[in-house]
C-alpha atoms as a PDB file:
ATOM      1  CA  UNK A   1      -9.014 -28.715  60.542  1.00  0.00           C
ATOM      2  CA  UNK A   2     -10.490 -30.439  57.542  1.00  0.00           C
ATOM      3  CA  UNK A   3     -11.937 -27.161  56.274  1.00  0.00           C
ATOM      4  CA  UNK A   4      -8.531 -25.457  56.605  1.00  0.00           C
ATOM      5  CA  UNK A   5      -6.849 -28.224  54.601  1.00  0.00           C
ATOM      6  CA  UNK A   6      -9.495 -28.003  51.885  1.00  0.00           C
ATOM      7  CA  UNK A   7      -9.096 -24.243  51.694  1.00  0.00           C
ATOM      8  CA  UNK A   8      -5.305 -24.527  51.447  1.00  0.00           C
ATOM      9  CA  UNK A   9      -5.552 -27.211  48.771  1.00  0.00           C
ATOM     10  CA  UNK A  10      -8.024 -25.123  46.811  1.00  0.00           C
ATOM     11  CA  UNK A  11      -5.764 -22.060  46.913  1.00  0.00           C
ATOM     12  CA  UNK A  12      -2.716 -24.078  45.897  1.00  0.00           C
ATOM     13  CA  UNK A  13      -4.595 -25.730  43.020  1.00  0.00           C
ATOM     14  CA  UNK A  14      -5.874 -22.353  41.881  1.00  0.00           C
ATOM     15  CA  UNK A  15      -2.396 -20.785  42.000  1.00  0.00           C
ATOM     16  CA  UNK A  16      -0.907 -23.770  40.174  1.00  0.00           C
ATOM     17  CA  UNK A  17      -3.521 -23.523  37.399  1.00  0.00           C
ATOM     18  CA  UNK A  18      -2.919 -19.787  37.110  1.00  0.00           C
ATOM     19  CA  UNK A  19       0.834 -20.280  36.919  1.00  0.00           C
ATOM     20  CA  UNK A  20       0.517 -22.958  34.253  1.00  0.00           C
ATOM     21  CA  UNK A  21      -1.789 -20.723  32.250  1.00  0.00           C
ATOM     22  CA  UNK A  22       0.628 -17.804  32.470  1.00  0.00           C
ATOM     23  CA  UNK A  23       3.540 -19.999  31.391  1.00  0.00           C
ATOM     24  CA  UNK A  24       1.498 -21.335  28.472  1.00  0.00           C
ATOM     25  CA  UNK A  25       0.652 -17.808  27.364  1.00  0.00           C
ATOM     26  CA  UNK A  26       4.281 -16.738  27.716  1.00  0.00           C
ATOM     27  CA  UNK A  27       5.468 -19.633  25.545  1.00  0.00           C
ATOM     28  CA  UNK A  28       2.812 -18.826  22.941  1.00  0.00           C
ATOM     29  CA  UNK A  29       3.800 -15.150  22.903  1.00  0.00           C
ATOM     30  CA  UNK A  30       7.465 -16.094  22.374  1.00  0.00           C
ATOM     31  CA  UNK A  31       6.473 -18.168  19.345  1.00  0.00           C
ATOM     32  CA  UNK A  32       4.383 -15.332  17.875  1.00  0.00           C
ATOM     33  CA  UNK A  33       6.634 -12.387  18.623  1.00  0.00           C
ATOM     34  CA  UNK A  34       9.341 -11.657  16.103  1.00  0.00           C
ATOM     35  CA  UNK A  35      12.832 -11.026  17.452  1.00  0.00           C
ATOM     36  CA  UNK A  36      13.657  -7.363  17.848  1.00  0.00           C
ATOM     37  CA  UNK A  37      16.005  -5.996  15.189  1.00  0.00           C
ATOM     38  CA  UNK A  38      19.319  -5.322  16.908  1.00  0.00           C
ATOM     39  CA  UNK A  39      21.779  -4.739  14.092  1.00  0.00           C
ATOM     40  CA  UNK A  40      25.335  -6.129  14.181  1.00  0.00           C
ATOM     41  CA  UNK A  41      26.148  -8.178  17.276  1.00  0.00           C
ATOM     42  CA  UNK A  42      28.840 -10.656  18.139  1.00  0.00           C
ATOM     43  CA  UNK A  43      27.797 -14.170  17.151  1.00  0.00           C
ATOM     44  CA  UNK A  44      25.184 -13.115  14.608  1.00  0.00           C
ATOM     45  CA  UNK A  45      25.378 -14.292  11.019  1.00  0.00           C
ATOM     46  CA  UNK A  46      27.088 -11.930   8.627  1.00  0.00           C
ATOM     47  CA  UNK A  47      25.054  -9.920   6.147  1.00  0.00           C
ATOM     48  CA  UNK A  48      24.721 -11.357   2.682  1.00  0.00           C
ATOM     49  CA  UNK A  49      27.118  -9.880   0.110  1.00  0.00           C
ATOM     50  CA  UNK A  50      24.320  -8.403  -1.974  1.00  0.00           C
ATOM     51  CA  UNK A  51      26.509  -6.010  -4.000  1.00  0.00           C
ATOM     52  CA  UNK A  52      24.288  -2.930  -4.085  1.00  0.00           C
ATOM     53  CA  UNK A  53      26.088  -1.555  -7.153  1.00  0.00           C
ATOM     54  CA  UNK A  54      24.958  -4.544  -9.223  1.00  0.00           C
ATOM     55  CA  UNK A  55      21.340  -4.026  -8.174  1.00  0.00           C
ATOM     56  CA  UNK A  56      21.445  -0.328  -9.032  1.00  0.00           C
ATOM     57  CA  UNK A  57      23.077  -0.992 -12.404  1.00  0.00           C
ATOM     58  CA  UNK A  58      20.403  -3.581 -13.275  1.00  0.00           C
ATOM     59  CA  UNK A  59      17.574  -1.134 -12.535  1.00  0.00           C
ATOM     60  CA  UNK A  60      19.209   1.651 -14.544  1.00  0.00           C
ATOM     61  CA  UNK A  61      19.908  -0.695 -17.449  1.00  0.00           C
ATOM     62  CA  UNK A  62      16.377  -2.122 -17.545  1.00  0.00           C
ATOM     63  CA  UNK A  63      14.248   1.013 -17.184  1.00  0.00           C
ATOM     64  CA  UNK A  64      16.371   4.164 -17.590  1.00  0.00           C
ATOM     65  CA  UNK A  65      19.338   3.308 -19.812  1.00  0.00           C
ATOM     66  CA  UNK A  66      23.080   3.458 -19.048  1.00  0.00           C
ATOM     67  CA  UNK A  67      26.221   4.358 -20.994  1.00  0.00           C
ATOM     68  CA  UNK A  68      24.203   5.999 -23.746  1.00  0.00           C
ATOM     69  CA  UNK A  69      22.196   2.830 -24.408  1.00  0.00           C
ATOM     70  CA  UNK A  70      18.373   2.901 -24.427  1.00  0.00           C
ATOM     71  CA  UNK A  71      16.537   1.096 -21.621  1.00  0.00           C
ATOM     72  CA  UNK A  72      15.661  -2.551 -22.137  1.00  0.00           C
ATOM     73  CA  UNK A  73      11.967  -1.982 -21.374  1.00  0.00           C
ATOM     74  CA  UNK A  74       9.829   0.711 -22.970  1.00  0.00           C
ATOM     75  CA  UNK A  75       7.778   3.406 -21.269  1.00  0.00           C
ATOM     76  CA  UNK A  76       4.594   1.336 -21.629  1.00  0.00           C
ATOM     77  CA  UNK A  77       6.263  -1.655 -19.991  1.00  0.00           C
ATOM     78  CA  UNK A  78       7.520   0.582 -17.182  1.00  0.00           C
ATOM     79  CA  UNK A  79       4.000   1.847 -16.516  1.00  0.00           C
ATOM     80  CA  UNK A  80       2.570  -1.676 -16.563  1.00  0.00           C
ATOM     81  CA  UNK A  81       5.129  -3.032 -14.102  1.00  0.00           C
ATOM     82  CA  UNK A  82       5.125  -0.073 -11.710  1.00  0.00           C
ATOM     83  CA  UNK A  83       1.430   0.863 -12.166  1.00  0.00           C
ATOM     84  CA  UNK A  84       2.350   4.542 -12.531  1.00  0.00           C
ATOM     85  CA  UNK A  85       3.746   6.645 -15.409  1.00  0.00           C
ATOM     86  CA  UNK A  86       7.450   7.333 -15.383  1.00  0.00           C
ATOM     87  CA  UNK A  87       6.859  11.029 -14.573  1.00  0.00           C
ATOM     88  CA  UNK A  88       4.836  10.143 -11.457  1.00  0.00           C
ATOM     89  CA  UNK A  89       7.519   7.692 -10.357  1.00  0.00           C
ATOM     90  CA  UNK A  90      10.237  10.328 -10.681  1.00  0.00           C
ATOM     91  CA  UNK A  91       8.188  12.965  -8.856  1.00  0.00           C
ATOM     92  CA  UNK A  92       7.840  10.624  -5.870  1.00  0.00           C
ATOM     93  CA  UNK A  93      11.468   9.543  -6.064  1.00  0.00           C
ATOM     94  CA  UNK A  94      12.754  13.146  -6.114  1.00  0.00           C
ATOM     95  CA  UNK A  95      10.800  13.938  -2.940  1.00  0.00           C
ATOM     96  CA  UNK A  96      11.905  10.836  -1.029  1.00  0.00           C
ATOM     97  CA  UNK A  97      15.553  10.458  -2.062  1.00  0.00           C
ATOM     98  CA  UNK A  98      16.928  13.027   0.428  1.00  0.00           C
ATOM     99  CA  UNK A  99      14.928  11.887   3.447  1.00  0.00           C
ATOM    100  CA  UNK A 100      16.729  10.052   6.282  1.00  0.00           C
ATOM    101  CA  UNK A 101      15.684   6.480   5.506  1.00  0.00           C
ATOM    102  CA  UNK A 102      15.926   6.773   1.725  1.00  0.00           C
ATOM    103  CA  UNK A 103      19.251   8.569   1.241  1.00  0.00           C
ATOM    104  CA  UNK A 104      22.355   6.545   0.461  1.00  0.00           C
ATOM    105  CA  UNK A 105      24.590   5.939   3.447  1.00  0.00           C
ATOM    106  CA  UNK A 106      28.205   4.945   4.015  1.00  0.00           C
ATOM    107  CA  UNK A 107      28.838   2.061   6.408  1.00  0.00           C
ATOM    108  CA  UNK A 108      31.640   1.767   8.972  1.00  0.00           C
ATOM    109  CA  UNK A 109      34.042   0.329   6.354  1.00  0.00           C
ATOM    110  CA  UNK A 110      33.521   3.273   4.021  1.00  0.00           C
ATOM    111  CA  UNK A 111      31.421   1.338   1.494  1.00  0.00           C
ATOM    112  CA  UNK A 112      28.289   2.953   0.002  1.00  0.00           C
ATOM    113  CA  UNK A 113      25.038   1.227   0.886  1.00  0.00           C
ATOM    114  CA  UNK A 114      21.787   0.885  -1.053  1.00  0.00           C
ATOM    115  CA  UNK A 115      20.844   3.702  -3.425  1.00  0.00           C
ATOM    116  CA  UNK A 116      17.469   5.466  -2.900  1.00  0.00           C
ATOM    117  CA  UNK A 117      16.348   4.193  -6.317  1.00  0.00           C
ATOM    118  CA  UNK A 118      16.681   0.583  -5.154  1.00  0.00           C
ATOM    119  CA  UNK A 119      14.468   1.227  -2.122  1.00  0.00           C
ATOM    120  CA  UNK A 120      11.797   3.040  -4.128  1.00  0.00           C
ATOM    121  CA  UNK A 121      11.760   0.358  -6.842  1.00  0.00           C
ATOM    122  CA  UNK A 122      11.525  -2.410  -4.230  1.00  0.00           C
ATOM    123  CA  UNK A 123       8.553  -0.714  -2.553  1.00  0.00           C
ATOM    124  CA  UNK A 124       6.786  -0.100  -5.863  1.00  0.00           C
ATOM    125  CA  UNK A 125       7.176  -3.711  -6.926  1.00  0.00           C
ATOM    126  CA  UNK A 126       5.587  -4.910  -3.687  1.00  0.00           C
ATOM    127  CA  UNK A 127       2.620  -2.594  -4.210  1.00  0.00           C
ATOM    128  CA  UNK A 128       2.340  -3.267  -7.948  1.00  0.00           C
ATOM    129  CA  UNK A 129       2.304  -7.056  -7.769  1.00  0.00           C
ATOM    130  CA  UNK A 130       1.207  -7.658  -4.187  1.00  0.00           C
ATOM    131  CA  UNK A 131       4.287  -9.795  -3.632  1.00  0.00           C
ATOM    132  CA  UNK A 132       6.075 -10.463  -0.358  1.00  0.00           C
ATOM    133  CA  UNK A 133       8.984  -8.106   0.409  1.00  0.00           C
ATOM    134  CA  UNK A 134      11.742 -10.712   0.096  1.00  0.00           C
ATOM    135  CA  UNK A 135      10.771 -11.701  -3.448  1.00  0.00           C
ATOM    136  CA  UNK A 136      12.510  -8.655  -4.927  1.00  0.00           C
ATOM    137  CA  UNK A 137      15.749  -9.344  -3.053  1.00  0.00           C
ATOM    138  CA  UNK A 138      17.607 -10.880  -6.003  1.00  0.00           C
ATOM    139  CA  UNK A 139      16.691  -7.908  -8.244  1.00  0.00           C
ATOM    140  CA  UNK A 140      16.975  -4.786  -6.085  1.00  0.00           C
ATOM    141  CA  UNK A 141      19.501  -6.475  -3.753  1.00  0.00           C
ATOM    142  CA  UNK A 142      17.785  -5.477  -0.519  1.00  0.00           C
ATOM    143  CA  UNK A 143      16.719  -7.506   2.497  1.00  0.00           C
ATOM    144  CA  UNK A 144      13.152  -8.317   3.405  1.00  0.00           C
ATOM    145  CA  UNK A 145      13.329  -5.910   6.351  1.00  0.00           C
ATOM    146  CA  UNK A 146      14.576  -3.036   4.206  1.00  0.00           C
ATOM    147  CA  UNK A 147      11.981  -3.541   1.455  1.00  0.00           C
ATOM    148  CA  UNK A 148       9.190  -3.931   4.021  1.00  0.00           C
ATOM    149  CA  UNK A 149      10.120  -0.695   5.759  1.00  0.00           C
ATOM    150  CA  UNK A 150      10.408   1.112   2.410  1.00  0.00           C
ATOM    151  CA  UNK A 151       6.913  -0.091   1.466  1.00  0.00           C
ATOM    152  CA  UNK A 152       5.487   1.122   4.772  1.00  0.00           C
ATOM    153  CA  UNK A 153       7.106   4.558   4.465  1.00  0.00           C
ATOM    154  CA  UNK A 154       6.004   4.895   0.833  1.00  0.00           C
ATOM    155  CA  UNK A 155       2.413   4.153   1.850  1.00  0.00           C
ATOM    156  CA  UNK A 156       2.614   6.723   4.636  1.00  0.00           C
ATOM    157  CA  UNK A 157       3.956   9.347   2.231  1.00  0.00           C
ATOM    158  CA  UNK A 158       1.194   8.724  -0.321  1.00  0.00           C
ATOM    159  CA  UNK A 159      -1.595   8.776   2.284  1.00  0.00           C
ATOM    160  CA  UNK A 160      -0.361  11.584   4.529  1.00  0.00           C
ATOM    161  CA  UNK A 161       1.157  13.980   1.984  1.00  0.00           C
ATOM    162  CA  UNK A 162      -0.415  13.215  -1.397  1.00  0.00           C
ATOM    163  CA  UNK A 163      -3.866  12.328  -0.089  1.00  0.00           C
ATOM    164  CA  UNK A 164      -4.869  15.833   1.072  1.00  0.00           C
ATOM    165  CA  UNK A 165      -3.643  17.246  -2.260  1.00  0.00           C
ATOM    166  CA  UNK A 166      -5.191  14.850  -4.773  1.00  0.00           C
ATOM    167  CA  UNK A 167      -8.118  13.242  -2.918  1.00  0.00           C
ATOM    168  CA  UNK A 168     -10.359  16.155  -1.917  1.00  0.00           C
ATOM    169  CA  UNK A 169     -13.359  18.179  -3.086  1.00  0.00           C
ATOM    170  CA  UNK A 170     -12.515  20.932  -5.592  1.00  0.00           C
ATOM    171  CA  UNK A 171     -12.259  24.540  -4.474  1.00  0.00           C
ATOM    172  CA  UNK A 172     -14.534  27.274  -5.805  1.00  0.00           C
ATOM    173  CA  UNK A 173     -11.846  28.393  -8.249  1.00  0.00           C
ATOM    174  CA  UNK A 174     -11.441  24.842  -9.518  1.00  0.00           C
ATOM    175  CA  UNK A 175     -15.222  24.512  -9.843  1.00  0.00           C
ATOM    176  CA  UNK A 176     -15.279  27.551 -12.118  1.00  0.00           C
ATOM    177  CA  UNK A 177     -12.421  26.208 -14.227  1.00  0.00           C
ATOM    178  CA  UNK A 178     -14.130  22.828 -14.638  1.00  0.00           C
ATOM    179  CA  UNK A 179     -17.440  24.424 -15.618  1.00  0.00           C
ATOM    180  CA  UNK A 180     -15.730  26.685 -18.154  1.00  0.00           C
ATOM    181  CA  UNK A 181     -13.796  23.792 -19.648  1.00  0.00           C
ATOM    182  CA  UNK A 182     -16.889  21.611 -19.999  1.00  0.00           C
ATOM    183  CA  UNK A 183     -18.882  24.505 -21.463  1.00  0.00           C
ATOM    184  CA  UNK A 184     -16.350  24.758 -24.283  1.00  0.00           C
ATOM    185  CA  UNK A 185     -17.027  21.086 -24.999  1.00  0.00           C
ATOM    186  CA  UNK A 186     -20.730  21.749 -25.385  1.00  0.00           C
ATOM    187  CA  UNK A 187     -21.733  20.572 -21.882  1.00  0.00           C
ATOM    188  CA  UNK A 188     -22.547  23.725 -19.873  1.00  0.00           C
ATOM    189  CA  UNK A 189     -23.236  23.140 -16.202  1.00  0.00           C
ATOM    190  CA  UNK A 190     -21.477  19.749 -16.204  1.00  0.00           C
ATOM    191  CA  UNK A 191     -19.007  19.144 -13.378  1.00  0.00           C
ATOM    192  CA  UNK A 192     -17.867  15.696 -14.429  1.00  0.00           C
ATOM    193  CA  UNK A 193     -18.756  12.134 -15.325  1.00  0.00           C
ATOM    194  CA  UNK A 194     -19.603   9.689 -12.573  1.00  0.00           C
ATOM    195  CA  UNK A 195     -18.807   6.054 -13.270  1.00  0.00           C
ATOM    196  CA  UNK A 196     -18.621   2.792 -11.362  1.00  0.00           C
ATOM    197  CA  UNK A 197     -16.208  -0.070 -11.859  1.00  0.00           C
ATOM    198  CA  UNK A 198     -16.337  -3.584 -10.408  1.00  0.00           C
ATOM    199  CA  UNK A 199     -13.289  -5.040  -8.701  1.00  0.00           C
ATOM    200  CA  UNK A 200     -13.207  -8.817  -8.391  1.00  0.00           C
ATOM    201  CA  UNK A 201     -13.109 -10.124  -4.823  1.00  0.00           C
ATOM    202  CA  UNK A 202     -11.329 -13.468  -4.929  1.00  0.00           C
ATOM    203  CA  UNK A 203     -11.572 -13.997  -1.167  1.00  0.00           C
ATOM    204  CA  UNK A 204     -15.309 -13.357  -0.891  1.00  0.00           C
ATOM    205  CA  UNK A 205     -16.859 -15.579   1.851  1.00  0.00           C
ATOM    206  CA  UNK A 206     -19.371 -18.136   0.601  1.00  0.00           C
ATOM    207  CA  UNK A 207     -22.042 -16.737   2.900  1.00  0.00           C
ATOM    208  CA  UNK A 208     -21.883 -13.383   1.098  1.00  0.00           C
ATOM    209  CA  UNK A 209     -21.348 -14.697  -2.430  1.00  0.00           C
ATOM    210  CA  UNK A 210     -24.901 -13.946  -3.526  1.00  0.00           C
ATOM    211  CA  UNK A 211     -24.768 -10.352  -2.339  1.00  0.00           C
ATOM    212  CA  UNK A 212     -21.492  -9.608  -4.101  1.00  0.00           C
ATOM    213  CA  UNK A 213     -22.182 -11.542  -7.308  1.00  0.00           C
ATOM    214  CA  UNK A 214     -22.124  -9.331 -10.402  1.00  0.00           C
ATOM    215  CA  UNK A 215     -23.947  -9.977 -13.656  1.00  0.00           C
ATOM    216  CA  UNK A 216     -20.945 -11.869 -15.048  1.00  0.00           C
ATOM    217  CA  UNK A 217     -21.141 -14.368 -12.178  1.00  0.00           C
ATOM    218  CA  UNK A 218     -18.015 -13.126 -10.381  1.00  0.00           C
ATOM    219  CA  UNK A 219     -17.899 -11.725  -6.852  1.00  0.00           C
ATOM    220  CA  UNK A 220     -17.068  -8.046  -7.111  1.00  0.00           C
ATOM    221  CA  UNK A 221     -16.968  -4.820  -5.102  1.00  0.00           C
ATOM    222  CA  UNK A 222     -18.212  -1.591  -6.656  1.00  0.00           C
ATOM    223  CA  UNK A 223     -15.923   1.433  -6.843  1.00  0.00           C
ATOM    224  CA  UNK A 224     -17.579   4.773  -7.591  1.00  0.00           C
ATOM    225  CA  UNK A 225     -15.259   7.664  -8.374  1.00  0.00           C
ATOM    226  CA  UNK A 226     -14.983  11.053 -10.079  1.00  0.00           C
ATOM    227  CA  UNK A 227     -11.582  12.049 -11.419  1.00  0.00           C
ATOM    228  CA  UNK A 228     -10.839  15.220 -13.338  1.00  0.00           C
ATOM    229  CA  UNK A 229      -8.226  15.401 -16.070  1.00  0.00           C
ATOM    230  CA  UNK A 230      -5.849  17.383 -13.823  1.00  0.00           C
ATOM    231  CA  UNK A 231      -6.095  14.673 -12.186  1.00  0.00           C
ATOM    232  CA  UNK A 232      -7.729  15.167  -8.788  1.00  0.00           C
ATOM    233  CA  UNK A 233     -10.024  12.532  -7.337  1.00  0.00           C
ATOM    234  CA  UNK A 234     -13.046  14.532  -6.225  1.00  0.00           C
ATOM    235  CA  UNK A 235     -15.103  11.584  -5.021  1.00  0.00           C
ATOM    236  CA  UNK A 236     -14.246   8.036  -4.012  1.00  0.00           C
ATOM    237  CA  UNK A 237     -16.777   5.548  -2.656  1.00  0.00           C
ATOM    238  CA  UNK A 238     -15.982   1.840  -2.531  1.00  0.00           C
ATOM    239  CA  UNK A 239     -17.310  -1.220  -0.756  1.00  0.00           C
ATOM    240  CA  UNK A 240     -20.808  -1.555  -2.226  1.00  0.00           C
ATOM    241  CA  UNK A 241     -21.718  -5.153  -3.199  1.00  0.00           C
ATOM    242  CA  UNK A 242     -21.259  -6.159  -6.823  1.00  0.00           C
ATOM    243  CA  UNK A 243     -24.932  -7.049  -7.244  1.00  0.00           C
ATOM    244  CA  UNK A 244     -25.669  -3.303  -7.515  1.00  0.00           C
ATOM    245  CA  UNK A 245     -25.457  -1.487 -10.841  1.00  0.00           C
ATOM    246  CA  UNK A 246     -24.408   2.076 -11.652  1.00  0.00           C
ATOM    247  CA  UNK A 247     -27.888   3.416 -10.824  1.00  0.00           C
ATOM    248  CA  UNK A 248     -28.989   1.741  -7.604  1.00  0.00           C
ATOM    249  CA  UNK A 249     -25.515   2.083  -6.076  1.00  0.00           C
ATOM    250  CA  UNK A 250     -26.326   5.807  -5.837  1.00  0.00           C
ATOM    251  CA  UNK A 251     -28.678   5.118  -2.943  1.00  0.00           C
ATOM    252  CA  UNK A 252     -25.627   4.204  -0.861  1.00  0.00           C
ATOM    253  CA  UNK A 253     -23.345   6.909  -2.261  1.00  0.00           C
ATOM    254  CA  UNK A 254     -22.469   9.810   0.063  1.00  0.00           C
ATOM    255  CA  UNK A 255     -22.168  12.042  -3.016  1.00  0.00           C
ATOM    256  CA  UNK A 256     -25.795  11.361  -3.955  1.00  0.00           C
ATOM    257  CA  UNK A 257     -26.888  12.091  -0.380  1.00  0.00           C
ATOM    258  CA  UNK A 258     -25.035  15.417  -0.453  1.00  0.00           C
ATOM    259  CA  UNK A 259     -26.702  16.350  -3.746  1.00  0.00           C
ATOM    260  CA  UNK A 260     -30.182  15.433  -2.500  1.00  0.00           C
ATOM    261  CA  UNK A 261     -29.742  17.337   0.770  1.00  0.00           C
ATOM    262  CA  UNK A 262     -28.310  20.399  -0.977  1.00  0.00           C
ATOM    263  CA  UNK A 263     -24.962  20.157   0.765  1.00  0.00           C
END
């Protein structure tokens, strides 16, 4: 009888501990999980009156000009703030503007919503400055959710559609064109110039500071790349510690291994 009572008490204690653990995990998951986006529902706060037309007019006035007036900021300032030339920006914008998420919509009241230019500018500003999505709200007049989704879709477009075009080895025809072009410059047989740049790593762990310390005393990561004037990136190798220079980083470079093995 005593053994039966002990067994029952043990099972009950075990089930109670398991239940408490499950409830604790459930409470923790509720705190971590973000609420699912559900759109307009009864009882929810109304959307902010952002006035999309004002945001679009500000962008056009600042960088493209309106009503026959020149833009406030020059082409050089545009490239510095968006990290791409104006022509590259427009080529991306023209591809994205007619896609489902990016195109301008009309809401249930018949009012036009955000223009594709506002979404593209908001995404570019997040990538250019590394800022949080809601920081550009007062300029492009878009919510944090909208700018965050635009940034994600812009990244997917660049990686999935532009990556295979611009980040790849050259074809045989392109090889011949590069060799001919360099021969005219007095460098026959030259395919390109290989260079390394050091990117500062502000968040480098202290335990790895010595490995990634460059000659200027800063913690850096080496980027090795070959880019032609077309421009296609024929080779991209990053992640080597900053203590390496342009010569001994070759011993980790996949390009050097391909050359040495005759690939």
